[in-house]
Amino acid sequence: MMTDPVADMLTRIRNAGTARASLVRCPSSRLKHSVAKVLEEKGYVY
């Protein structure tokens, strides 16, 4: 079984937004940290 960790992180963020949660927790990696940083810089998350 293959999983996509970045897609999983984005799904968690989307679900948290739908639930109006202010915090999302997921396993970390350098790649996911970089993706989250870009999302923050572009104003998609804060």
PDB file of N, CA and C in Angstrom:
ATOM      1  N   MET A   1       0.851  -1.176   0.000  1.00  0.00           N
ATOM      2  CA  MET A   1       0.000   0.000   0.000  1.00  0.00           C
ATOM      3  C   MET A   1       0.893   1.233   0.000  1.00  0.00           C
ATOM      4  N   MET A   2       0.613   2.152  -0.892  1.00  0.00           N
ATOM      5  CA  MET A   2       1.384   3.389  -0.972  1.00  0.00           C
ATOM      6  C   MET A   2       0.554   4.541  -0.419  1.00  0.00           C
ATOM      7  N   THR A   3       1.226   5.439   0.249  1.00  0.00           N
ATOM      8  CA  THR A   3       0.546   6.624   0.767  1.00  0.00           C
ATOM      9  C   THR A   3       1.280   7.861   0.287  1.00  0.00           C
ATOM     10  N   ASP A   4       0.571   8.952   0.245  1.00  0.00           N
ATOM     11  CA  ASP A   4       1.146  10.232  -0.162  1.00  0.00           C
ATOM     12  C   ASP A   4       1.107  11.160   1.050  1.00  0.00           C
ATOM     13  N   PRO A   5       2.240  11.356   1.725  1.00  0.00           N
ATOM     14  CA  PRO A   5       2.234  12.149   2.954  1.00  0.00           C
ATOM     15  C   PRO A   5       1.833  13.610   2.755  1.00  0.00           C
ATOM     16  N   VAL A   6       2.178  14.203   1.622  1.00  0.00           N
ATOM     17  CA  VAL A   6       1.811  15.604   1.382  1.00  0.00           C
ATOM     18  C   VAL A   6       0.303  15.708   1.161  1.00  0.00           C
ATOM     19  N   ALA A   7      -0.260  14.793   0.391  1.00  0.00           N
ATOM     20  CA  ALA A   7      -1.709  14.795   0.179  1.00  0.00           C
ATOM     21  C   ALA A   7      -2.442  14.575   1.495  1.00  0.00           C
ATOM     22  N   ASP A   8      -1.907  13.704   2.346  1.00  0.00           N
ATOM     23  CA  ASP A   8      -2.507  13.472   3.659  1.00  0.00           C
ATOM     24  C   ASP A   8      -2.494  14.755   4.485  1.00  0.00           C
ATOM     25  N   MET A   9      -1.379  15.480   4.475  1.00  0.00           N
ATOM     26  CA  MET A   9      -1.282  16.736   5.218  1.00  0.00           C
ATOM     27  C   MET A   9      -2.288  17.756   4.684  1.00  0.00           C
ATOM     28  N   LEU A  10      -2.378  17.876   3.360  1.00  0.00           N
ATOM     29  CA  LEU A  10      -3.312  18.834   2.767  1.00  0.00           C
ATOM     30  C   LEU A  10      -4.757  18.466   3.094  1.00  0.00           C
ATOM     31  N   THR A  11      -5.066  17.179   3.118  1.00  0.00           N
ATOM     32  CA  THR A  11      -6.410  16.735   3.480  1.00  0.00           C
ATOM     33  C   THR A  11      -6.708  17.078   4.932  1.00  0.00           C
ATOM     34  N   ARG A  12      -5.737  16.892   5.798  1.00  0.00           N
ATOM     35  CA  ARG A  12      -5.933  17.257   7.205  1.00  0.00           C
ATOM     36  C   ARG A  12      -6.186  18.754   7.355  1.00  0.00           C
ATOM     37  N   ILE A  13      -5.451  19.561   6.599  1.00  0.00           N
ATOM     38  CA  ILE A  13      -5.644  21.014   6.646  1.00  0.00           C
ATOM     39  C   ILE A  13      -7.028  21.380   6.126  1.00  0.00           C
ATOM     40  N   ARG A  14      -7.435  20.774   5.010  1.00  0.00           N
ATOM     41  CA  ARG A  14      -8.756  21.053   4.439  1.00  0.00           C
ATOM     42  C   ARG A  14      -9.862  20.641   5.413  1.00  0.00           C
ATOM     43  N   ASN A  15      -9.741  19.461   6.019  1.00  0.00           N
ATOM     44  CA  ASN A  15     -10.753  18.993   6.967  1.00  0.00           C
ATOM     45  C   ASN A  15     -10.810  19.893   8.200  1.00  0.00           C
ATOM     46  N   ALA A  16      -9.662  20.356   8.655  1.00  0.00           N
ATOM     47  CA  ALA A  16      -9.641  21.257   9.812  1.00  0.00           C
ATOM     48  C   ALA A  16     -10.325  22.576   9.471  1.00  0.00           C
ATOM     49  N   GLY A  17     -10.119  23.059   8.256  1.00  0.00           N
ATOM     50  CA  GLY A  17     -10.788  24.286   7.830  1.00  0.00           C
ATOM     51  C   GLY A  17     -12.291  24.122   7.792  1.00  0.00           C
ATOM     52  N   THR A  18     -12.736  22.978   7.309  1.00  0.00           N
ATOM     53  CA  THR A  18     -14.167  22.692   7.265  1.00  0.00           C
ATOM     54  C   THR A  18     -14.751  22.631   8.671  1.00  0.00           C
ATOM     55  N   ALA A  19     -13.993  22.063   9.601  1.00  0.00           N
ATOM     56  CA  ALA A  19     -14.447  21.938  10.986  1.00  0.00           C
ATOM     57  C   ALA A  19     -14.147  23.191  11.805  1.00  0.00           C
ATOM     58  N   ARG A  20     -13.575  24.211  11.170  1.00  0.00           N
ATOM     59  CA  ARG A  20     -13.195  25.463  11.825  1.00  0.00           C
ATOM     60  C   ARG A  20     -12.226  25.244  12.991  1.00  0.00           C
ATOM     61  N   ALA A  21     -11.340  24.278  12.827  1.00  0.00           N
ATOM     62  CA  ALA A  21     -10.312  24.024  13.842  1.00  0.00           C
ATOM     63  C   ALA A  21      -9.166  25.007  13.635  1.00  0.00           C
ATOM     64  N   SER A  22      -8.545  25.415  14.712  1.00  0.00           N
ATOM     65  CA  SER A  22      -7.448  26.379  14.600  1.00  0.00           C
ATOM     66  C   SER A  22      -6.083  25.706  14.634  1.00  0.00           C
ATOM     67  N   LEU A  23      -6.059  24.383  14.818  1.00  0.00           N
ATOM     68  CA  LEU A  23      -4.799  23.660  14.920  1.00  0.00           C
ATOM     69  C   LEU A  23      -4.896  22.340  14.175  1.00  0.00           C
ATOM     70  N   VAL A  24      -3.848  22.011  13.430  1.00  0.00           N
ATOM     71  CA  VAL A  24      -3.779  20.732  12.719  1.00  0.00           C
ATOM     72  C   VAL A  24      -2.509  20.029  13.158  1.00  0.00           C
ATOM     73  N   ARG A  25      -2.628  18.775  13.538  1.00  0.00           N
ATOM     74  CA  ARG A  25      -1.456  17.983  13.916  1.00  0.00           C
ATOM     75  C   ARG A  25      -1.292  16.845  12.917  1.00  0.00           C
ATOM     76  N   CYS A  26      -0.054  16.669  12.466  1.00  0.00           N
ATOM     77  CA  CYS A  26       0.259  15.556  11.578  1.00  0.00           C
ATOM     78  C   CYS A  26       1.735  15.226  11.724  1.00  0.00           C
ATOM     79  N   PRO A  27       2.124  14.014  11.371  1.00  0.00           N
ATOM     80  CA  PRO A  27       3.544  13.660  11.437  1.00  0.00           C
ATOM     81  C   PRO A  27       4.363  14.619  10.573  1.00  0.00           C
ATOM     82  N   SER A  28       5.530  14.979  11.065  1.00  0.00           N
ATOM     83  CA  SER A  28       6.317  15.990  10.355  1.00  0.00           C
ATOM     84  C   SER A  28       7.417  15.372   9.499  1.00  0.00           C
ATOM     85  N   SER A  29       7.821  16.142   8.517  1.00  0.00           N
ATOM     86  CA  SER A  29       8.974  15.813   7.680  1.00  0.00           C
ATOM     87  C   SER A  29       9.481  17.128   7.106  1.00  0.00           C
ATOM     88  N   ARG A  30      10.671  17.105   6.582  1.00  0.00           N
ATOM     89  CA  ARG A  30      11.219  18.330   5.988  1.00  0.00           C
ATOM     90  C   ARG A  30      10.382  18.778   4.796  1.00  0.00           C
ATOM     91  N   LEU A  31       9.932  17.824   3.995  1.00  0.00           N
ATOM     92  CA  LEU A  31       9.125  18.160   2.822  1.00  0.00           C
ATOM     93  C   LEU A  31       7.815  18.824   3.237  1.00  0.00           C
ATOM     94  N   LYS A  32       7.123  18.232   4.202  1.00  0.00           N
ATOM     95  CA  LYS A  32       5.850  18.811   4.644  1.00  0.00           C
ATOM     96  C   LYS A  32       6.061  20.172   5.296  1.00  0.00           C
ATOM     97  N   HIS A  33       7.150  20.331   6.010  1.00  0.00           N
ATOM     98  CA  HIS A  33       7.459  21.633   6.607  1.00  0.00           C
ATOM     99  C   HIS A  33       7.645  22.676   5.511  1.00  0.00           C
ATOM    100  N   SER A  34       8.348  22.310   4.453  1.00  0.00           N
ATOM    101  CA  SER A  34       8.572  23.241   3.338  1.00  0.00           C
ATOM    102  C   SER A  34       7.262  23.594   2.644  1.00  0.00           C
ATOM    103  N   VAL A  35       6.412  22.606   2.431  1.00  0.00           N
ATOM    104  CA  VAL A  35       5.118  22.853   1.790  1.00  0.00           C
ATOM    105  C   VAL A  35       4.274  23.772   2.670  1.00  0.00           C
ATOM    106  N   ALA A  36       4.245  23.511   3.965  1.00  0.00           N
ATOM    107  CA  ALA A  36       3.467  24.344   4.885  1.00  0.00           C
ATOM    108  C   ALA A  36       3.998  25.773   4.912  1.00  0.00           C
ATOM    109  N   LYS A  37       5.300  25.920   4.835  1.00  0.00           N
ATOM    110  CA  LYS A  37       5.900  27.255   4.828  1.00  0.00           C
ATOM    111  C   LYS A  37       5.466  28.038   3.590  1.00  0.00           C
ATOM    112  N   VAL A  38       5.446  27.387   2.429  1.00  0.00           N
ATOM    113  CA  VAL A  38       5.001  28.046   1.197  1.00  0.00           C
ATOM    114  C   VAL A  38       3.523  28.406   1.295  1.00  0.00           C
ATOM    115  N   LEU A  39       2.702  27.496   1.824  1.00  0.00           N
ATOM    116  CA  LEU A  39       1.276  27.792   1.994  1.00  0.00           C
ATOM    117  C   LEU A  39       1.079  29.010   2.893  1.00  0.00           C
ATOM    118  N   GLU A  40       1.884  29.110   3.933  1.00  0.00           N
ATOM    119  CA  GLU A  40       1.793  30.265   4.832  1.00  0.00           C
ATOM    120  C   GLU A  40       2.239  31.545   4.131  1.00  0.00           C
ATOM    121  N   GLU A  41       3.344  31.481   3.384  1.00  0.00           N
ATOM    122  CA  GLU A  41       3.839  32.664   2.670  1.00  0.00           C
ATOM    123  C   GLU A  41       2.825  33.173   1.647  1.00  0.00           C
ATOM    124  N   LYS A  42       2.113  32.260   1.006  1.00  0.00           N
ATOM    125  CA  LYS A  42       1.128  32.635  -0.012  1.00  0.00           C
ATOM    126  C   LYS A  42      -0.218  33.022   0.588  1.00  0.00           C
ATOM    127  N   GLY A  43      -0.381  32.868   1.903  1.00  0.00           N
ATOM    128  CA  GLY A  43      -1.600  33.298   2.566  1.00  0.00           C
ATOM    129  C   GLY A  43      -2.714  32.274   2.614  1.00  0.00           C
ATOM    130  N   TYR A  44      -2.406  31.027   2.292  1.00  0.00           N
ATOM    131  CA  TYR A  44      -3.436  29.992   2.336  1.00  0.00           C
ATOM    132  C   TYR A  44      -3.692  29.497   3.752  1.00  0.00           C
ATOM    133  N   VAL A  45      -2.673  29.511   4.584  1.00  0.00           N
ATOM    134  CA  VAL A  45      -2.815  29.136   5.994  1.00  0.00           C
ATOM    135  C   VAL A  45      -2.073  30.174   6.823  1.00  0.00           C
ATOM    136  N   TYR A  46      -2.390  30.224   8.093  1.00  0.00           N
ATOM    137  CA  TYR A  46      -1.691  31.154   8.983  1.00  0.00           C
ATOM    138  C   TYR A  46      -1.427  30.500  10.308  1.00  0.00           C
TER     139      TYR A  46
END
